[in-house]
Amino acid sequence: MNMEHQSKTTLNHKEKAVSFLQLVASGKVREAYQRHIGPGFSHHNPFFPGDADSLMLAMEESAAQNPHKTLEVKLAIEENETVVVHSHVKQNPNDLGGAVVHIFRFQDDRIVELWDIGQSIPENSPNKNGMF
């Protein structure tokens, strides 16, 4: 991301959302939460209870099981208090991975709500445009 116009100490919401995702993908889940998650955080992942601690523990478990996970941001869009990040996530180097969209809602410069939607990348697809 081009941060030339940004102060080195002040990140905009888009940069904070990307930082959160990169920290989580690299296994630094608690650091991601400490830096970016706000009070009253909730999420909409249907596989876990909707509180911050449940998702944080699930993210830590995923990081432990997939220590070579990568996340490559393809597009990030910020509008007011909402940020949308479209990424290519791979659990390991041999994984085709998936296209994942994270939607963040910010309040007082902290993430207070999160949605995530993912789609696996098929081995063979008739669509030659690809997923990115």
C-alpha atoms as a PDB file:
ATOM      1  CA  MET A   1       0.000   0.000   0.000  1.00  0.00           C
ATOM      2  CA  ASN A   2       1.238   3.481  -0.790  1.00  0.00           C
ATOM      3  CA  MET A   3       1.650   5.373   2.472  1.00  0.00           C
ATOM      4  CA  GLU A   4       3.642   8.358   1.175  1.00  0.00           C
ATOM      5  CA  HIS A   5       0.880  10.793   2.058  1.00  0.00           C
ATOM      6  CA  GLN A   6       0.382   9.294   5.536  1.00  0.00           C
ATOM      7  CA  SER A   7       2.186  10.224   8.694  1.00  0.00           C
ATOM      8  CA  LYS A   8       4.365   7.354   9.899  1.00  0.00           C
ATOM      9  CA  THR A   9       2.550   7.319  13.229  1.00  0.00           C
ATOM     10  CA  THR A  10      -1.037   7.713  12.030  1.00  0.00           C
ATOM     11  CA  LEU A  11      -2.698   4.995   9.998  1.00  0.00           C
ATOM     12  CA  ASN A  12      -6.021   5.423   8.246  1.00  0.00           C
ATOM     13  CA  HIS A  13      -8.743   2.804   8.681  1.00  0.00           C
ATOM     14  CA  LYS A  14      -7.754   0.973   5.510  1.00  0.00           C
ATOM     15  CA  GLU A  15      -4.155   0.629   6.701  1.00  0.00           C
ATOM     16  CA  LYS A  16      -5.327  -0.516  10.141  1.00  0.00           C
ATOM     17  CA  ALA A  17      -7.573  -3.189   8.614  1.00  0.00           C
ATOM     18  CA  VAL A  18      -4.724  -4.464   6.431  1.00  0.00           C
ATOM     19  CA  SER A  19      -2.335  -4.398   9.399  1.00  0.00           C
ATOM     20  CA  PHE A  20      -4.822  -6.427  11.453  1.00  0.00           C
ATOM     21  CA  LEU A  21      -5.132  -9.071   8.718  1.00  0.00           C
ATOM     22  CA  GLN A  22      -1.380  -9.278   8.124  1.00  0.00           C
ATOM     23  CA  LEU A  23      -0.660  -9.671  11.840  1.00  0.00           C
ATOM     24  CA  VAL A  24      -3.300 -12.403  12.188  1.00  0.00           C
ATOM     25  CA  ALA A  25      -2.044 -14.255   9.092  1.00  0.00           C
ATOM     26  CA  SER A  26       1.515 -14.167  10.445  1.00  0.00           C
ATOM     27  CA  GLY A  27       0.384 -15.683  13.759  1.00  0.00           C
ATOM     28  CA  LYS A  28       0.547 -12.449  15.791  1.00  0.00           C
ATOM     29  CA  VAL A  29      -3.118 -12.668  16.723  1.00  0.00           C
ATOM     30  CA  ARG A  30      -2.898 -11.102  20.204  1.00  0.00           C
ATOM     31  CA  GLU A  31      -0.811  -8.229  18.882  1.00  0.00           C
ATOM     32  CA  ALA A  32      -3.424  -7.653  16.159  1.00  0.00           C
ATOM     33  CA  TYR A  33      -6.163  -7.522  18.779  1.00  0.00           C
ATOM     34  CA  GLN A  34      -4.207  -5.232  21.106  1.00  0.00           C
ATOM     35  CA  ARG A  35      -3.404  -2.788  18.324  1.00  0.00           C
ATOM     36  CA  HIS A  36      -6.686  -2.688  16.459  1.00  0.00           C
ATOM     37  CA  ILE A  37      -9.733  -4.180  18.212  1.00  0.00           C
ATOM     38  CA  GLY A  38     -12.060  -1.834  20.063  1.00  0.00           C
ATOM     39  CA  PRO A  39     -14.348  -2.327  23.035  1.00  0.00           C
ATOM     40  CA  GLY A  40     -17.572  -4.196  22.355  1.00  0.00           C
ATOM     41  CA  PHE A  41     -16.097  -5.883  19.257  1.00  0.00           C
ATOM     42  CA  SER A  42     -18.414  -8.342  17.524  1.00  0.00           C
ATOM     43  CA  HIS A  43     -18.105 -10.486  14.427  1.00  0.00           C
ATOM     44  CA  HIS A  44     -20.377 -12.427  12.089  1.00  0.00           C
ATOM     45  CA  ASN A  45     -18.423 -15.630  11.381  1.00  0.00           C
ATOM     46  CA  PRO A  46     -21.132 -18.316  11.674  1.00  0.00           C
ATOM     47  CA  PHE A  47     -18.728 -20.985  12.985  1.00  0.00           C
ATOM     48  CA  PHE A  48     -17.865 -19.270  16.303  1.00  0.00           C
ATOM     49  CA  PRO A  49     -19.645 -17.354  19.060  1.00  0.00           C
ATOM     50  CA  GLY A  50     -19.838 -13.638  18.139  1.00  0.00           C
ATOM     51  CA  ASP A  51     -17.508 -12.233  20.825  1.00  0.00           C
ATOM     52  CA  ALA A  52     -13.893 -11.062  20.473  1.00  0.00           C
ATOM     53  CA  ASP A  53     -12.303 -13.780  22.632  1.00  0.00           C
ATOM     54  CA  SER A  54     -13.925 -16.678  20.769  1.00  0.00           C
ATOM     55  CA  LEU A  55     -12.706 -15.416  17.407  1.00  0.00           C
ATOM     56  CA  MET A  56      -9.252 -14.587  18.778  1.00  0.00           C
ATOM     57  CA  LEU A  57      -8.835 -18.133  20.130  1.00  0.00           C
ATOM     58  CA  ALA A  58     -10.000 -19.613  16.812  1.00  0.00           C
ATOM     59  CA  MET A  59      -7.515 -17.395  14.960  1.00  0.00           C
ATOM     60  CA  GLU A  60      -4.713 -18.516  17.275  1.00  0.00           C
ATOM     61  CA  GLU A  61      -5.631 -22.166  16.719  1.00  0.00           C
ATOM     62  CA  SER A  62      -5.638 -21.633  12.949  1.00  0.00           C
ATOM     63  CA  ALA A  63      -2.234 -19.920  13.128  1.00  0.00           C
ATOM     64  CA  ALA A  64      -0.801 -22.833  15.134  1.00  0.00           C
ATOM     65  CA  GLN A  65      -2.196 -25.374  12.650  1.00  0.00           C
ATOM     66  CA  ASN A  66      -1.085 -23.348   9.612  1.00  0.00           C
ATOM     67  CA  PRO A  67       2.227 -21.660  10.486  1.00  0.00           C
ATOM     68  CA  HIS A  68       2.980 -20.924   6.814  1.00  0.00           C
ATOM     69  CA  LYS A  69      -0.318 -19.150   6.096  1.00  0.00           C
ATOM     70  CA  THR A  70      -0.096 -16.211   3.694  1.00  0.00           C
ATOM     71  CA  LEU A  71      -2.457 -13.353   3.007  1.00  0.00           C
ATOM     72  CA  GLU A  72      -2.000 -11.206  -0.090  1.00  0.00           C
ATOM     73  CA  VAL A  73      -4.209  -8.131  -0.246  1.00  0.00           C
ATOM     74  CA  LYS A  74      -5.585  -7.598  -3.736  1.00  0.00           C
ATOM     75  CA  LEU A  75      -7.867  -4.622  -3.060  1.00  0.00           C
ATOM     76  CA  ALA A  76      -8.774  -2.457  -0.082  1.00  0.00           C
ATOM     77  CA  ILE A  77     -11.550   0.133  -0.125  1.00  0.00           C
ATOM     78  CA  GLU A  78     -12.366   2.632   2.619  1.00  0.00           C
ATOM     79  CA  GLU A  79     -15.569   4.597   2.909  1.00  0.00           C
ATOM     80  CA  ASN A  80     -16.267   6.522   6.093  1.00  0.00           C
ATOM     81  CA  GLU A  81     -16.131   4.007   8.970  1.00  0.00           C
ATOM     82  CA  THR A  82     -16.175   0.930   6.713  1.00  0.00           C
ATOM     83  CA  VAL A  83     -13.251  -0.876   5.093  1.00  0.00           C
ATOM     84  CA  VAL A  84     -13.484  -3.803   2.678  1.00  0.00           C
ATOM     85  CA  VAL A  85     -10.395  -5.928   1.990  1.00  0.00           C
ATOM     86  CA  HIS A  86     -10.279  -8.556  -0.799  1.00  0.00           C
ATOM     87  CA  SER A  87      -7.409 -11.007  -0.270  1.00  0.00           C
ATOM     88  CA  HIS A  88      -5.864 -14.236  -1.478  1.00  0.00           C
ATOM     89  CA  VAL A  89      -5.376 -16.453   1.588  1.00  0.00           C
ATOM     90  CA  LYS A  90      -3.344 -19.664   1.467  1.00  0.00           C
ATOM     91  CA  GLN A  91      -3.068 -21.999   4.456  1.00  0.00           C
ATOM     92  CA  ASN A  92       0.291 -23.316   3.188  1.00  0.00           C
ATOM     93  CA  PRO A  93       2.533 -22.855   0.121  1.00  0.00           C
ATOM     94  CA  ASN A  94       0.941 -25.787  -1.767  1.00  0.00           C
ATOM     95  CA  ASP A  95      -2.631 -24.626  -1.149  1.00  0.00           C
ATOM     96  CA  LEU A  96      -4.520 -22.968  -4.017  1.00  0.00           C
ATOM     97  CA  GLY A  97      -6.147 -20.926  -1.284  1.00  0.00           C
ATOM     98  CA  GLY A  98      -9.248 -18.876  -1.354  1.00  0.00           C
ATOM     99  CA  ALA A  99     -10.592 -15.458  -2.146  1.00  0.00           C
ATOM    100  CA  VAL A 100     -11.601 -13.827   1.126  1.00  0.00           C
ATOM    101  CA  VAL A 101     -13.445 -10.569   1.710  1.00  0.00           C
ATOM    102  CA  HIS A 102     -13.259  -8.968   5.150  1.00  0.00           C
ATOM    103  CA  ILE A 103     -15.576  -6.091   5.991  1.00  0.00           C
ATOM    104  CA  PHE A 104     -14.561  -3.940   8.953  1.00  0.00           C
ATOM    105  CA  ARG A 105     -16.560  -1.314  10.831  1.00  0.00           C
ATOM    106  CA  PHE A 106     -14.526   1.200  12.803  1.00  0.00           C
ATOM    107  CA  GLN A 107     -15.505   3.335  15.746  1.00  0.00           C
ATOM    108  CA  ASP A 108     -13.071   5.746  17.440  1.00  0.00           C
ATOM    109  CA  ASP A 109     -10.322   4.443  15.112  1.00  0.00           C
ATOM    110  CA  ARG A 110     -10.692   0.843  16.359  1.00  0.00           C
ATOM    111  CA  ILE A 111     -12.287  -2.196  14.712  1.00  0.00           C
ATOM    112  CA  VAL A 112     -15.630  -2.868  16.392  1.00  0.00           C
ATOM    113  CA  GLU A 113     -17.319  -5.187  13.906  1.00  0.00           C
ATOM    114  CA  LEU A 114     -16.091  -7.737  11.361  1.00  0.00           C
ATOM    115  CA  TRP A 115     -17.614  -9.863   8.604  1.00  0.00           C
ATOM    116  CA  ASP A 116     -15.670 -12.404   6.553  1.00  0.00           C
ATOM    117  CA  ILE A 117     -16.745 -14.187   3.397  1.00  0.00           C
ATOM    118  CA  GLY A 118     -14.579 -16.764   1.628  1.00  0.00           C
ATOM    119  CA  GLN A 119     -14.608 -18.801  -1.547  1.00  0.00           C
ATOM    120  CA  SER A 120     -12.170 -21.630  -2.301  1.00  0.00           C
ATOM    121  CA  ILE A 121     -10.180 -21.381  -5.506  1.00  0.00           C
ATOM    122  CA  PRO A 122     -11.076 -24.383  -7.690  1.00  0.00           C
ATOM    123  CA  GLU A 123      -8.356 -26.416  -9.355  1.00  0.00           C
ATOM    124  CA  ASN A 124     -10.082 -26.131 -12.714  1.00  0.00           C
ATOM    125  CA  SER A 125     -12.370 -23.278 -13.639  1.00  0.00           C
ATOM    126  CA  PRO A 126     -13.977 -22.384 -16.953  1.00  0.00           C
ATOM    127  CA  ASN A 127     -13.525 -18.708 -16.053  1.00  0.00           C
ATOM    128  CA  LYS A 128     -10.143 -17.639 -17.437  1.00  0.00           C
ATOM    129  CA  ASN A 129     -10.369 -14.252 -15.671  1.00  0.00           C
ATOM    130  CA  GLY A 130      -9.449 -15.934 -12.393  1.00  0.00           C
ATOM    131  CA  MET A 131     -10.655 -14.924  -8.960  1.00  0.00           C
ATOM    132  CA  PHE A 132      -8.461 -11.844  -8.723  1.00  0.00           C
END
